[in-house]
Amino acid sequence: MRTRRQRVVDAALEVIAEQGLRGLTHRAVDARAGLPPGSASSCFRTRRALLEGVLERMLELDEMALVQLPADAWSSRAQATATMVGLLEHWLGPARTRTRARMQLYLDAGDGALLRAELDAAGERFVRMAADGMQAVGVPDAGRAARMLVAQLDGVLFDALARPRPEKDGDAWLRHAADTIMRGVTMAGSCSSPTRPPDA
């Protein structure tokens, strides 16, 4: 069972996903969560504290999905592609509201000082996790490849949210996107690795 604090931040995620940061108030969160007035402010005294709670909750839920991946998730390029398809389906399916809220946070809060450091730290955590996966696949320069991987996955998610396709095209498009990303980061990693100079 969720705690009151979790109910508050989950409701805040829904408010942000639907209305952006402009719609985020303690009163709006109370109403969305179905809690008595003042509940959100009793858990998070300030708006910044509420946003920090939202970001912490997003990280908790996203990392939970990542740590539950099978042990062979990054055992080969084909398996890594299948893993990415599964993650994209999750982020655009059960976790769609959270994905929308994350995009809103980066767009609305990312331009100013609000949560800038926290957002950067969160991004770095996922890049490091992606780098571990790229290293397991055997991609050269795994850190650089991981940054490109995360950037392109975010691009696919944004495109899917901003320009939704017919449901019948969704699975095939995600598979194509994941395969294209994997081929791209693999080739980029190979090109960036040191090569032996030609014999004189």
N, C-alpha and C. Protein backbone atom coordinates (compact mmCIF):
# COMPACT_ATOMS: atom_id res chain seq x y z
N MET A 1 0.85 -1.20 0.00
CA MET A 1 0.00 0.00 0.00
C MET A 1 0.89 1.26 0.00
N ARG A 2 0.51 2.22 -0.82
CA ARG A 2 1.29 3.46 -0.89
C ARG A 2 1.10 4.29 0.38
N THR A 3 2.17 4.96 0.78
CA THR A 3 2.08 5.90 1.89
C THR A 3 1.40 7.18 1.41
N ARG A 4 1.03 8.04 2.35
CA ARG A 4 0.43 9.32 1.95
C ARG A 4 1.43 10.13 1.13
N ARG A 5 2.67 10.09 1.50
CA ARG A 5 3.70 10.83 0.76
C ARG A 5 3.77 10.34 -0.70
N GLN A 6 3.72 9.03 -0.89
CA GLN A 6 3.74 8.49 -2.25
C GLN A 6 2.48 8.87 -3.02
N ARG A 7 1.34 8.86 -2.36
CA ARG A 7 0.10 9.28 -3.02
C ARG A 7 0.21 10.73 -3.47
N VAL A 8 0.83 11.56 -2.65
CA VAL A 8 0.98 12.97 -3.00
C VAL A 8 1.87 13.13 -4.22
N VAL A 9 3.04 12.49 -4.22
CA VAL A 9 3.95 12.69 -5.35
C VAL A 9 3.40 12.02 -6.62
N ASP A 10 2.70 10.90 -6.48
CA ASP A 10 2.10 10.29 -7.67
C ASP A 10 1.03 11.20 -8.27
N ALA A 11 0.26 11.84 -7.41
CA ALA A 11 -0.74 12.79 -7.90
C ALA A 11 -0.06 14.00 -8.54
N ALA A 12 1.03 14.45 -7.95
CA ALA A 12 1.78 15.57 -8.52
C ALA A 12 2.31 15.22 -9.90
N LEU A 13 2.78 13.99 -10.08
CA LEU A 13 3.22 13.54 -11.40
C LEU A 13 2.10 13.66 -12.42
N GLU A 14 0.90 13.27 -12.04
CA GLU A 14 -0.24 13.34 -12.96
C GLU A 14 -0.57 14.79 -13.30
N VAL A 15 -0.51 15.67 -12.31
CA VAL A 15 -0.79 17.08 -12.55
C VAL A 15 0.23 17.67 -13.52
N ILE A 16 1.51 17.38 -13.30
CA ILE A 16 2.56 17.90 -14.17
C ILE A 16 2.40 17.35 -15.59
N ALA A 17 2.09 16.06 -15.70
CA ALA A 17 1.94 15.44 -17.02
C ALA A 17 0.82 16.10 -17.82
N GLU A 18 -0.25 16.49 -17.14
CA GLU A 18 -1.41 17.04 -17.84
C GLU A 18 -1.35 18.56 -18.00
N GLN A 19 -0.80 19.25 -16.99
CA GLN A 19 -0.88 20.71 -16.98
C GLN A 19 0.47 21.41 -16.99
N GLY A 20 1.56 20.65 -16.91
CA GLY A 20 2.87 21.28 -16.82
C GLY A 20 3.09 21.84 -15.43
N LEU A 21 4.25 22.49 -15.25
CA LEU A 21 4.57 23.03 -13.92
C LEU A 21 3.65 24.17 -13.53
N ARG A 22 3.06 24.85 -14.50
CA ARG A 22 2.17 25.96 -14.17
C ARG A 22 0.95 25.49 -13.38
N GLY A 23 0.53 24.26 -13.63
CA GLY A 23 -0.65 23.75 -12.94
C GLY A 23 -0.35 23.11 -11.60
N LEU A 24 0.94 23.01 -11.26
CA LEU A 24 1.31 22.31 -10.03
C LEU A 24 1.14 23.21 -8.81
N THR A 25 0.14 22.93 -8.00
CA THR A 25 -0.06 23.59 -6.72
C THR A 25 -0.39 22.52 -5.69
N HIS A 26 -0.18 22.85 -4.42
CA HIS A 26 -0.53 21.91 -3.37
C HIS A 26 -2.03 21.58 -3.41
N ARG A 27 -2.83 22.57 -3.70
CA ARG A 27 -4.27 22.36 -3.75
C ARG A 27 -4.65 21.42 -4.89
N ALA A 28 -4.02 21.62 -6.06
CA ALA A 28 -4.31 20.74 -7.20
C ALA A 28 -3.90 19.30 -6.91
N VAL A 29 -2.79 19.13 -6.20
CA VAL A 29 -2.32 17.79 -5.86
C VAL A 29 -3.27 17.13 -4.87
N ASP A 30 -3.73 17.87 -3.86
CA ASP A 30 -4.69 17.33 -2.91
C ASP A 30 -5.94 16.83 -3.63
N ALA A 31 -6.43 17.65 -4.55
CA ALA A 31 -7.65 17.28 -5.28
C ALA A 31 -7.43 16.03 -6.12
N ARG A 32 -6.30 15.96 -6.83
CA ARG A 32 -6.02 14.82 -7.69
C ARG A 32 -5.84 13.53 -6.86
N ALA A 33 -5.21 13.66 -5.70
CA ALA A 33 -4.97 12.49 -4.86
C ALA A 33 -6.20 12.07 -4.06
N GLY A 34 -7.22 12.94 -4.01
CA GLY A 34 -8.40 12.65 -3.21
C GLY A 34 -8.11 12.71 -1.72
N LEU A 35 -7.21 13.62 -1.35
CA LEU A 35 -6.83 13.79 0.05
C LEU A 35 -7.40 15.08 0.60
N PRO A 36 -7.53 15.19 1.92
CA PRO A 36 -8.05 16.42 2.52
C PRO A 36 -7.15 17.61 2.20
N PRO A 37 -7.72 18.80 2.09
CA PRO A 37 -6.91 20.00 1.86
C PRO A 37 -5.80 20.13 2.90
N GLY A 38 -4.61 20.49 2.43
CA GLY A 38 -3.48 20.64 3.32
C GLY A 38 -2.60 19.40 3.41
N SER A 39 -3.04 18.29 2.81
CA SER A 39 -2.26 17.05 2.88
C SER A 39 -0.91 17.19 2.17
N ALA A 40 -0.93 17.75 0.95
CA ALA A 40 0.32 17.89 0.20
C ALA A 40 1.30 18.80 0.92
N SER A 41 0.80 19.91 1.46
CA SER A 41 1.69 20.85 2.13
C SER A 41 2.21 20.30 3.45
N SER A 42 1.50 19.35 4.05
CA SER A 42 2.00 18.74 5.28
C SER A 42 3.15 17.79 4.98
N CYS A 43 3.16 17.21 3.77
CA CYS A 43 4.27 16.34 3.36
C CYS A 43 5.42 17.12 2.75
N PHE A 44 5.09 18.17 2.01
CA PHE A 44 6.09 18.98 1.32
C PHE A 44 5.74 20.45 1.55
N ARG A 45 6.49 21.10 2.41
CA ARG A 45 6.13 22.44 2.85
C ARG A 45 6.17 23.47 1.72
N THR A 46 7.10 23.31 0.79
CA THR A 46 7.26 24.28 -0.28
C THR A 46 7.06 23.61 -1.64
N ARG A 47 6.89 24.44 -2.65
CA ARG A 47 6.73 23.91 -4.01
C ARG A 47 8.02 23.23 -4.47
N ARG A 48 9.14 23.80 -4.10
CA ARG A 48 10.42 23.18 -4.47
C ARG A 48 10.56 21.80 -3.82
N ALA A 49 10.17 21.70 -2.55
CA ALA A 49 10.23 20.41 -1.86
C ALA A 49 9.32 19.39 -2.56
N LEU A 50 8.17 19.85 -3.02
CA LEU A 50 7.26 18.97 -3.74
C LEU A 50 7.89 18.49 -5.04
N LEU A 51 8.54 19.40 -5.77
CA LEU A 51 9.20 19.02 -7.02
C LEU A 51 10.35 18.05 -6.76
N GLU A 52 11.09 18.28 -5.70
CA GLU A 52 12.18 17.36 -5.36
C GLU A 52 11.62 15.98 -5.04
N GLY A 53 10.47 15.93 -4.36
CA GLY A 53 9.82 14.66 -4.08
C GLY A 53 9.37 13.96 -5.35
N VAL A 54 8.87 14.74 -6.31
CA VAL A 54 8.45 14.18 -7.59
C VAL A 54 9.63 13.57 -8.32
N LEU A 55 10.74 14.29 -8.37
CA LEU A 55 11.92 13.78 -9.06
C LEU A 55 12.45 12.52 -8.38
N GLU A 56 12.46 12.53 -7.07
CA GLU A 56 12.91 11.35 -6.32
C GLU A 56 12.02 10.15 -6.62
N ARG A 57 10.72 10.36 -6.69
CA ARG A 57 9.78 9.28 -6.98
C ARG A 57 9.97 8.76 -8.40
N MET A 58 10.20 9.65 -9.37
CA MET A 58 10.42 9.23 -10.74
C MET A 58 11.66 8.34 -10.83
N LEU A 59 12.73 8.76 -10.16
CA LEU A 59 13.95 7.98 -10.17
C LEU A 59 13.74 6.61 -9.53
N GLU A 60 13.02 6.61 -8.43
CA GLU A 60 12.73 5.35 -7.74
C GLU A 60 12.00 4.36 -8.65
N LEU A 61 10.96 4.84 -9.33
CA LEU A 61 10.16 3.96 -10.18
C LEU A 61 10.91 3.55 -11.44
N ASP A 62 11.66 4.47 -12.05
CA ASP A 62 12.40 4.14 -13.26
C ASP A 62 13.53 3.16 -12.95
N GLU A 63 14.23 3.38 -11.85
CA GLU A 63 15.31 2.47 -11.50
C GLU A 63 14.76 1.09 -11.14
N MET A 64 13.57 1.06 -10.57
CA MET A 64 12.93 -0.21 -10.24
C MET A 64 12.70 -1.02 -11.52
N ALA A 65 12.27 -0.34 -12.57
CA ALA A 65 12.05 -1.02 -13.85
C ALA A 65 13.36 -1.52 -14.44
N LEU A 66 14.43 -0.74 -14.27
CA LEU A 66 15.72 -1.12 -14.85
C LEU A 66 16.38 -2.28 -14.11
N VAL A 67 16.28 -2.27 -12.78
CA VAL A 67 16.93 -3.35 -12.02
C VAL A 67 16.19 -4.67 -12.17
N GLN A 68 14.95 -4.61 -12.65
CA GLN A 68 14.17 -5.84 -12.86
C GLN A 68 14.42 -6.46 -14.24
N LEU A 69 15.29 -5.84 -15.03
CA LEU A 69 15.60 -6.43 -16.34
C LEU A 69 16.30 -7.77 -16.14
N PRO A 70 16.10 -8.71 -17.06
CA PRO A 70 16.75 -10.02 -16.93
C PRO A 70 18.27 -9.91 -16.99
N ALA A 71 18.94 -10.92 -16.46
CA ALA A 71 20.40 -10.90 -16.39
C ALA A 71 21.05 -10.81 -17.77
N ASP A 72 20.37 -11.33 -18.81
CA ASP A 72 20.94 -11.32 -20.16
C ASP A 72 20.46 -10.13 -20.99
N ALA A 73 19.96 -9.09 -20.33
CA ALA A 73 19.39 -7.95 -21.05
C ALA A 73 20.37 -7.32 -22.03
N TRP A 74 21.65 -7.33 -21.69
CA TRP A 74 22.67 -6.70 -22.54
C TRP A 74 23.71 -7.73 -23.01
N SER A 75 23.28 -8.96 -23.17
CA SER A 75 24.23 -10.02 -23.51
C SER A 75 24.66 -10.01 -24.97
N SER A 76 23.90 -9.37 -25.82
CA SER A 76 24.22 -9.28 -27.24
C SER A 76 23.51 -8.07 -27.83
N ARG A 77 23.88 -7.74 -29.06
CA ARG A 77 23.23 -6.60 -29.70
C ARG A 77 21.75 -6.88 -29.91
N ALA A 78 21.42 -8.10 -30.33
CA ALA A 78 20.02 -8.45 -30.55
C ALA A 78 19.22 -8.38 -29.25
N GLN A 79 19.81 -8.90 -28.16
CA GLN A 79 19.12 -8.86 -26.88
C GLN A 79 19.00 -7.43 -26.36
N ALA A 80 20.04 -6.62 -26.59
CA ALA A 80 19.99 -5.22 -26.17
C ALA A 80 18.88 -4.47 -26.91
N THR A 81 18.71 -4.78 -28.20
CA THR A 81 17.64 -4.15 -28.98
C THR A 81 16.27 -4.55 -28.42
N ALA A 82 16.12 -5.82 -28.10
CA ALA A 82 14.85 -6.30 -27.53
C ALA A 82 14.60 -5.64 -26.17
N THR A 83 15.66 -5.45 -25.40
CA THR A 83 15.54 -4.79 -24.09
C THR A 83 15.05 -3.36 -24.27
N MET A 84 15.61 -2.66 -25.25
CA MET A 84 15.19 -1.28 -25.49
C MET A 84 13.74 -1.20 -25.93
N VAL A 85 13.31 -2.17 -26.75
CA VAL A 85 11.90 -2.19 -27.16
C VAL A 85 11.01 -2.35 -25.93
N GLY A 86 11.39 -3.25 -25.04
CA GLY A 86 10.61 -3.46 -23.83
C GLY A 86 10.54 -2.21 -22.96
N LEU A 87 11.67 -1.52 -22.84
CA LEU A 87 11.70 -0.29 -22.04
C LEU A 87 10.84 0.80 -22.68
N LEU A 88 10.94 0.95 -23.98
CA LEU A 88 10.12 1.95 -24.67
C LEU A 88 8.63 1.64 -24.51
N GLU A 89 8.28 0.37 -24.64
CA GLU A 89 6.87 -0.01 -24.45
C GLU A 89 6.41 0.29 -23.03
N HIS A 90 7.29 0.07 -22.06
CA HIS A 90 6.94 0.37 -20.66
C HIS A 90 6.76 1.86 -20.45
N TRP A 91 7.73 2.66 -20.94
CA TRP A 91 7.67 4.11 -20.73
C TRP A 91 6.53 4.78 -21.48
N LEU A 92 6.08 4.15 -22.56
CA LEU A 92 4.96 4.70 -23.33
C LEU A 92 3.63 4.02 -23.00
N GLY A 93 3.69 3.00 -22.15
CA GLY A 93 2.49 2.27 -21.74
C GLY A 93 2.17 2.53 -20.28
N PRO A 94 2.51 1.59 -19.39
CA PRO A 94 2.19 1.75 -17.97
C PRO A 94 2.80 3.01 -17.34
N ALA A 95 3.99 3.41 -17.84
CA ALA A 95 4.68 4.57 -17.25
C ALA A 95 4.52 5.82 -18.11
N ARG A 96 3.51 5.87 -18.96
CA ARG A 96 3.36 7.00 -19.90
C ARG A 96 3.19 8.33 -19.15
N THR A 97 2.38 8.34 -18.10
CA THR A 97 2.18 9.58 -17.34
C THR A 97 3.50 10.07 -16.77
N ARG A 98 4.28 9.15 -16.24
CA ARG A 98 5.57 9.52 -15.66
C ARG A 98 6.52 10.05 -16.74
N THR A 99 6.47 9.44 -17.93
CA THR A 99 7.31 9.91 -19.02
C THR A 99 6.94 11.33 -19.42
N ARG A 100 5.64 11.61 -19.52
CA ARG A 100 5.19 12.96 -19.85
C ARG A 100 5.64 13.96 -18.78
N ALA A 101 5.52 13.57 -17.52
CA ALA A 101 5.92 14.46 -16.44
C ALA A 101 7.42 14.73 -16.49
N ARG A 102 8.20 13.70 -16.81
CA ARG A 102 9.66 13.89 -16.89
C ARG A 102 10.01 14.86 -18.00
N MET A 103 9.36 14.72 -19.14
CA MET A 103 9.61 15.65 -20.24
C MET A 103 9.25 17.08 -19.84
N GLN A 104 8.12 17.22 -19.15
CA GLN A 104 7.70 18.55 -18.70
C GLN A 104 8.73 19.15 -17.74
N LEU A 105 9.24 18.32 -16.83
CA LEU A 105 10.23 18.81 -15.87
C LEU A 105 11.47 19.32 -16.60
N TYR A 106 11.96 18.55 -17.55
CA TYR A 106 13.16 18.96 -18.26
C TYR A 106 12.93 20.21 -19.10
N LEU A 107 11.76 20.31 -19.71
CA LEU A 107 11.48 21.47 -20.55
C LEU A 107 11.20 22.72 -19.72
N ASP A 108 10.39 22.58 -18.66
CA ASP A 108 9.97 23.74 -17.88
C ASP A 108 10.98 24.14 -16.82
N ALA A 109 11.56 23.15 -16.15
CA ALA A 109 12.49 23.46 -15.07
C ALA A 109 13.92 23.52 -15.56
N GLY A 110 14.18 22.89 -16.70
CA GLY A 110 15.55 22.79 -17.16
C GLY A 110 16.16 24.09 -17.65
N ASP A 111 15.32 25.06 -18.03
CA ASP A 111 15.86 26.31 -18.55
C ASP A 111 16.40 27.23 -17.48
N GLY A 112 15.96 27.06 -16.24
CA GLY A 112 16.39 27.95 -15.18
C GLY A 112 17.14 27.21 -14.10
N ALA A 113 17.26 27.86 -12.95
CA ALA A 113 18.02 27.28 -11.85
C ALA A 113 17.23 26.20 -11.13
N LEU A 114 15.89 26.20 -11.29
CA LEU A 114 15.03 25.27 -10.56
C LEU A 114 15.35 23.82 -10.90
N LEU A 115 15.83 23.08 -9.92
CA LEU A 115 16.14 21.66 -10.06
C LEU A 115 17.21 21.37 -11.10
N ARG A 116 17.95 22.37 -11.55
CA ARG A 116 18.95 22.13 -12.59
C ARG A 116 19.97 21.08 -12.15
N ALA A 117 20.52 21.26 -10.95
CA ALA A 117 21.54 20.33 -10.46
C ALA A 117 20.95 18.94 -10.27
N GLU A 118 19.73 18.88 -9.73
CA GLU A 118 19.08 17.60 -9.48
C GLU A 118 18.78 16.86 -10.79
N LEU A 119 18.32 17.60 -11.80
CA LEU A 119 18.04 16.99 -13.09
C LEU A 119 19.32 16.49 -13.75
N ASP A 120 20.40 17.26 -13.65
CA ASP A 120 21.67 16.84 -14.22
C ASP A 120 22.17 15.56 -13.54
N ALA A 121 22.05 15.52 -12.21
CA ALA A 121 22.50 14.34 -11.46
C ALA A 121 21.67 13.11 -11.84
N ALA A 122 20.35 13.30 -12.01
CA ALA A 122 19.48 12.19 -12.39
C ALA A 122 19.87 11.68 -13.78
N GLY A 123 20.12 12.60 -14.70
CA GLY A 123 20.52 12.21 -16.05
C GLY A 123 21.81 11.41 -16.05
N GLU A 124 22.78 11.84 -15.22
CA GLU A 124 24.06 11.15 -15.16
C GLU A 124 23.90 9.72 -14.63
N ARG A 125 22.99 9.53 -13.70
CA ARG A 125 22.77 8.18 -13.16
C ARG A 125 22.32 7.23 -14.25
N PHE A 126 21.43 7.69 -15.13
CA PHE A 126 20.95 6.82 -16.18
C PHE A 126 21.98 6.63 -17.29
N VAL A 127 22.81 7.65 -17.52
CA VAL A 127 23.89 7.48 -18.49
C VAL A 127 24.87 6.43 -18.00
N ARG A 128 25.18 6.44 -16.70
CA ARG A 128 26.10 5.43 -16.16
C ARG A 128 25.51 4.03 -16.29
N MET A 129 24.21 3.90 -16.03
CA MET A 129 23.57 2.60 -16.17
C MET A 129 23.59 2.15 -17.64
N ALA A 130 23.35 3.08 -18.55
CA ALA A 130 23.40 2.75 -19.97
C ALA A 130 24.81 2.37 -20.39
N ALA A 131 25.82 3.04 -19.81
CA ALA A 131 27.21 2.72 -20.14
C ALA A 131 27.55 1.30 -19.72
N ASP A 132 27.04 0.87 -18.58
CA ASP A 132 27.26 -0.52 -18.15
C ASP A 132 26.69 -1.49 -19.19
N GLY A 133 25.48 -1.15 -19.71
CA GLY A 133 24.87 -2.00 -20.72
C GLY A 133 25.67 -2.02 -22.01
N MET A 134 26.15 -0.85 -22.44
CA MET A 134 26.94 -0.78 -23.67
C MET A 134 28.26 -1.53 -23.53
N GLN A 135 28.85 -1.44 -22.35
CA GLN A 135 30.09 -2.18 -22.12
C GLN A 135 29.85 -3.68 -22.16
N ALA A 136 28.72 -4.12 -21.60
CA ALA A 136 28.39 -5.54 -21.61
C ALA A 136 28.17 -6.04 -23.03
N VAL A 137 27.59 -5.20 -23.89
CA VAL A 137 27.37 -5.58 -25.30
C VAL A 137 28.69 -5.64 -26.06
N GLY A 138 29.69 -4.89 -25.56
CA GLY A 138 30.98 -4.86 -26.22
C GLY A 138 31.17 -3.66 -27.11
N VAL A 139 30.38 -2.60 -26.88
CA VAL A 139 30.50 -1.38 -27.68
C VAL A 139 31.73 -0.61 -27.23
N PRO A 140 32.66 -0.28 -28.15
CA PRO A 140 33.81 0.53 -27.76
C PRO A 140 33.37 1.93 -27.30
N ASP A 141 34.15 2.53 -26.41
CA ASP A 141 33.83 3.86 -25.89
C ASP A 141 32.40 3.87 -25.35
N ALA A 142 32.15 2.99 -24.38
CA ALA A 142 30.79 2.77 -23.87
C ALA A 142 30.17 4.03 -23.28
N GLY A 143 30.98 4.87 -22.65
CA GLY A 143 30.44 6.10 -22.05
C GLY A 143 29.88 7.04 -23.10
N ARG A 144 30.60 7.22 -24.17
CA ARG A 144 30.14 8.10 -25.25
C ARG A 144 28.91 7.50 -25.93
N ALA A 145 28.94 6.19 -26.15
CA ALA A 145 27.80 5.51 -26.77
C ALA A 145 26.57 5.62 -25.89
N ALA A 146 26.76 5.54 -24.56
CA ALA A 146 25.63 5.61 -23.64
C ALA A 146 24.94 6.97 -23.70
N ARG A 147 25.71 8.04 -23.82
CA ARG A 147 25.10 9.38 -23.92
C ARG A 147 24.26 9.48 -25.18
N MET A 148 24.77 8.95 -26.27
CA MET A 148 24.00 8.97 -27.52
C MET A 148 22.76 8.09 -27.40
N LEU A 149 22.90 6.95 -26.74
CA LEU A 149 21.77 6.04 -26.55
C LEU A 149 20.65 6.72 -25.77
N VAL A 150 21.00 7.34 -24.63
CA VAL A 150 19.99 8.01 -23.80
C VAL A 150 19.33 9.16 -24.57
N ALA A 151 20.14 9.94 -25.29
CA ALA A 151 19.60 11.06 -26.05
C ALA A 151 18.61 10.58 -27.11
N GLN A 152 18.95 9.50 -27.79
CA GLN A 152 18.07 9.01 -28.86
C GLN A 152 16.81 8.34 -28.30
N LEU A 153 16.93 7.65 -27.17
CA LEU A 153 15.74 7.09 -26.54
C LEU A 153 14.78 8.20 -26.12
N ASP A 154 15.34 9.27 -25.56
CA ASP A 154 14.50 10.42 -25.19
C ASP A 154 13.83 11.01 -26.43
N GLY A 155 14.56 11.06 -27.53
CA GLY A 155 13.98 11.57 -28.76
C GLY A 155 12.82 10.72 -29.24
N VAL A 156 12.96 9.41 -29.17
CA VAL A 156 11.88 8.51 -29.57
C VAL A 156 10.67 8.70 -28.67
N LEU A 157 10.92 8.82 -27.35
CA LEU A 157 9.82 9.01 -26.41
C LEU A 157 9.09 10.33 -26.68
N PHE A 158 9.86 11.39 -26.90
CA PHE A 158 9.24 12.69 -27.17
C PHE A 158 8.40 12.63 -28.45
N ASP A 159 8.96 12.01 -29.47
CA ASP A 159 8.23 11.92 -30.74
C ASP A 159 6.94 11.12 -30.58
N ALA A 160 7.01 10.04 -29.81
CA ALA A 160 5.82 9.21 -29.60
C ALA A 160 4.74 9.95 -28.83
N LEU A 161 5.16 10.81 -27.89
CA LEU A 161 4.19 11.57 -27.11
C LEU A 161 3.64 12.76 -27.90
N ALA A 162 4.50 13.40 -28.68
CA ALA A 162 4.07 14.60 -29.41
C ALA A 162 3.35 14.27 -30.70
N ARG A 163 3.73 13.13 -31.34
CA ARG A 163 3.13 12.76 -32.62
C ARG A 163 2.74 11.28 -32.58
N PRO A 164 1.73 10.95 -31.80
CA PRO A 164 1.35 9.53 -31.66
C PRO A 164 0.94 8.92 -32.98
N ARG A 165 1.37 7.68 -33.17
CA ARG A 165 1.04 6.93 -34.38
C ARG A 165 -0.17 6.04 -34.15
N PRO A 166 -0.78 5.56 -35.24
CA PRO A 166 -1.87 4.58 -35.08
C PRO A 166 -1.38 3.39 -34.27
N GLU A 167 -2.24 2.87 -33.43
CA GLU A 167 -1.85 1.78 -32.53
C GLU A 167 -1.28 0.59 -33.29
N LYS A 168 -1.80 0.32 -34.48
CA LYS A 168 -1.34 -0.83 -35.26
C LYS A 168 0.11 -0.67 -35.70
N ASP A 169 0.62 0.58 -35.77
CA ASP A 169 1.99 0.83 -36.22
C ASP A 169 2.98 0.90 -35.05
N GLY A 170 2.46 0.96 -33.82
CA GLY A 170 3.32 1.25 -32.68
C GLY A 170 4.43 0.25 -32.45
N ASP A 171 4.10 -1.05 -32.40
CA ASP A 171 5.11 -2.06 -32.09
C ASP A 171 6.20 -2.12 -33.15
N ALA A 172 5.81 -2.11 -34.41
CA ALA A 172 6.79 -2.18 -35.49
C ALA A 172 7.69 -0.95 -35.48
N TRP A 173 7.10 0.21 -35.20
CA TRP A 173 7.89 1.44 -35.19
C TRP A 173 8.90 1.43 -34.05
N LEU A 174 8.49 0.97 -32.87
CA LEU A 174 9.41 0.91 -31.74
C LEU A 174 10.54 -0.06 -32.00
N ARG A 175 10.23 -1.20 -32.61
CA ARG A 175 11.29 -2.16 -32.95
C ARG A 175 12.27 -1.56 -33.94
N HIS A 176 11.74 -0.85 -34.94
CA HIS A 176 12.61 -0.20 -35.93
C HIS A 176 13.47 0.88 -35.26
N ALA A 177 12.86 1.66 -34.37
CA ALA A 177 13.60 2.71 -33.67
C ALA A 177 14.72 2.13 -32.82
N ALA A 178 14.41 1.08 -32.07
CA ALA A 178 15.41 0.47 -31.19
C ALA A 178 16.56 -0.13 -32.01
N ASP A 179 16.23 -0.78 -33.11
CA ASP A 179 17.27 -1.38 -33.96
C ASP A 179 18.14 -0.30 -34.58
N THR A 180 17.53 0.78 -35.02
CA THR A 180 18.28 1.89 -35.62
C THR A 180 19.22 2.51 -34.59
N ILE A 181 18.73 2.72 -33.37
CA ILE A 181 19.57 3.29 -32.31
C ILE A 181 20.74 2.37 -32.01
N MET A 182 20.47 1.08 -31.88
CA MET A 182 21.53 0.14 -31.53
C MET A 182 22.59 0.08 -32.61
N ARG A 183 22.15 0.05 -33.88
CA ARG A 183 23.12 0.04 -34.97
C ARG A 183 23.94 1.32 -34.98
N GLY A 184 23.27 2.43 -34.68
CA GLY A 184 23.96 3.72 -34.68
C GLY A 184 25.02 3.82 -33.60
N VAL A 185 24.68 3.45 -32.37
CA VAL A 185 25.66 3.58 -31.28
C VAL A 185 26.78 2.56 -31.45
N THR A 186 26.47 1.41 -32.03
CA THR A 186 27.52 0.41 -32.27
C THR A 186 28.51 0.92 -33.31
N MET A 187 28.00 1.50 -34.40
CA MET A 187 28.88 2.02 -35.45
C MET A 187 29.67 3.21 -34.95
N ALA A 188 29.01 4.10 -34.18
CA ALA A 188 29.70 5.29 -33.66
C ALA A 188 30.82 4.88 -32.72
N GLY A 189 30.54 3.86 -31.89
CA GLY A 189 31.57 3.39 -30.97
C GLY A 189 32.75 2.81 -31.71
N SER A 190 32.46 2.08 -32.78
CA SER A 190 33.54 1.47 -33.55
C SER A 190 34.39 2.54 -34.23
N CYS A 191 33.72 3.58 -34.72
CA CYS A 191 34.44 4.65 -35.42
C CYS A 191 35.29 5.46 -34.46
N SER A 192 34.87 5.56 -33.19
CA SER A 192 35.60 6.39 -32.25
C SER A 192 36.75 5.65 -31.58
N SER A 193 36.82 4.31 -31.79
CA SER A 193 37.88 3.55 -31.15
C SER A 193 39.17 3.72 -31.93
N PRO A 194 40.30 3.61 -31.24
CA PRO A 194 41.58 3.78 -31.92
C PRO A 194 41.78 2.71 -32.99
N THR A 195 42.37 3.07 -34.09
CA THR A 195 42.65 2.11 -35.14
C THR A 195 44.15 2.07 -35.39
N ARG A 196 44.63 0.94 -35.85
CA ARG A 196 46.05 0.82 -36.11
C ARG A 196 46.39 1.50 -37.42
N PRO A 197 47.43 2.33 -37.46
CA PRO A 197 47.77 2.99 -38.72
C PRO A 197 48.19 1.98 -39.77
N PRO A 198 47.94 2.29 -41.03
CA PRO A 198 48.32 1.35 -42.10
C PRO A 198 49.83 1.11 -42.13
N ASP A 199 50.22 -0.07 -42.55
CA ASP A 199 51.65 -0.37 -42.66
C ASP A 199 52.30 0.53 -43.70
N ALA A 200 53.50 0.93 -43.41
CA ALA A 200 54.23 1.81 -44.34
C ALA A 200 54.68 0.99 -45.55
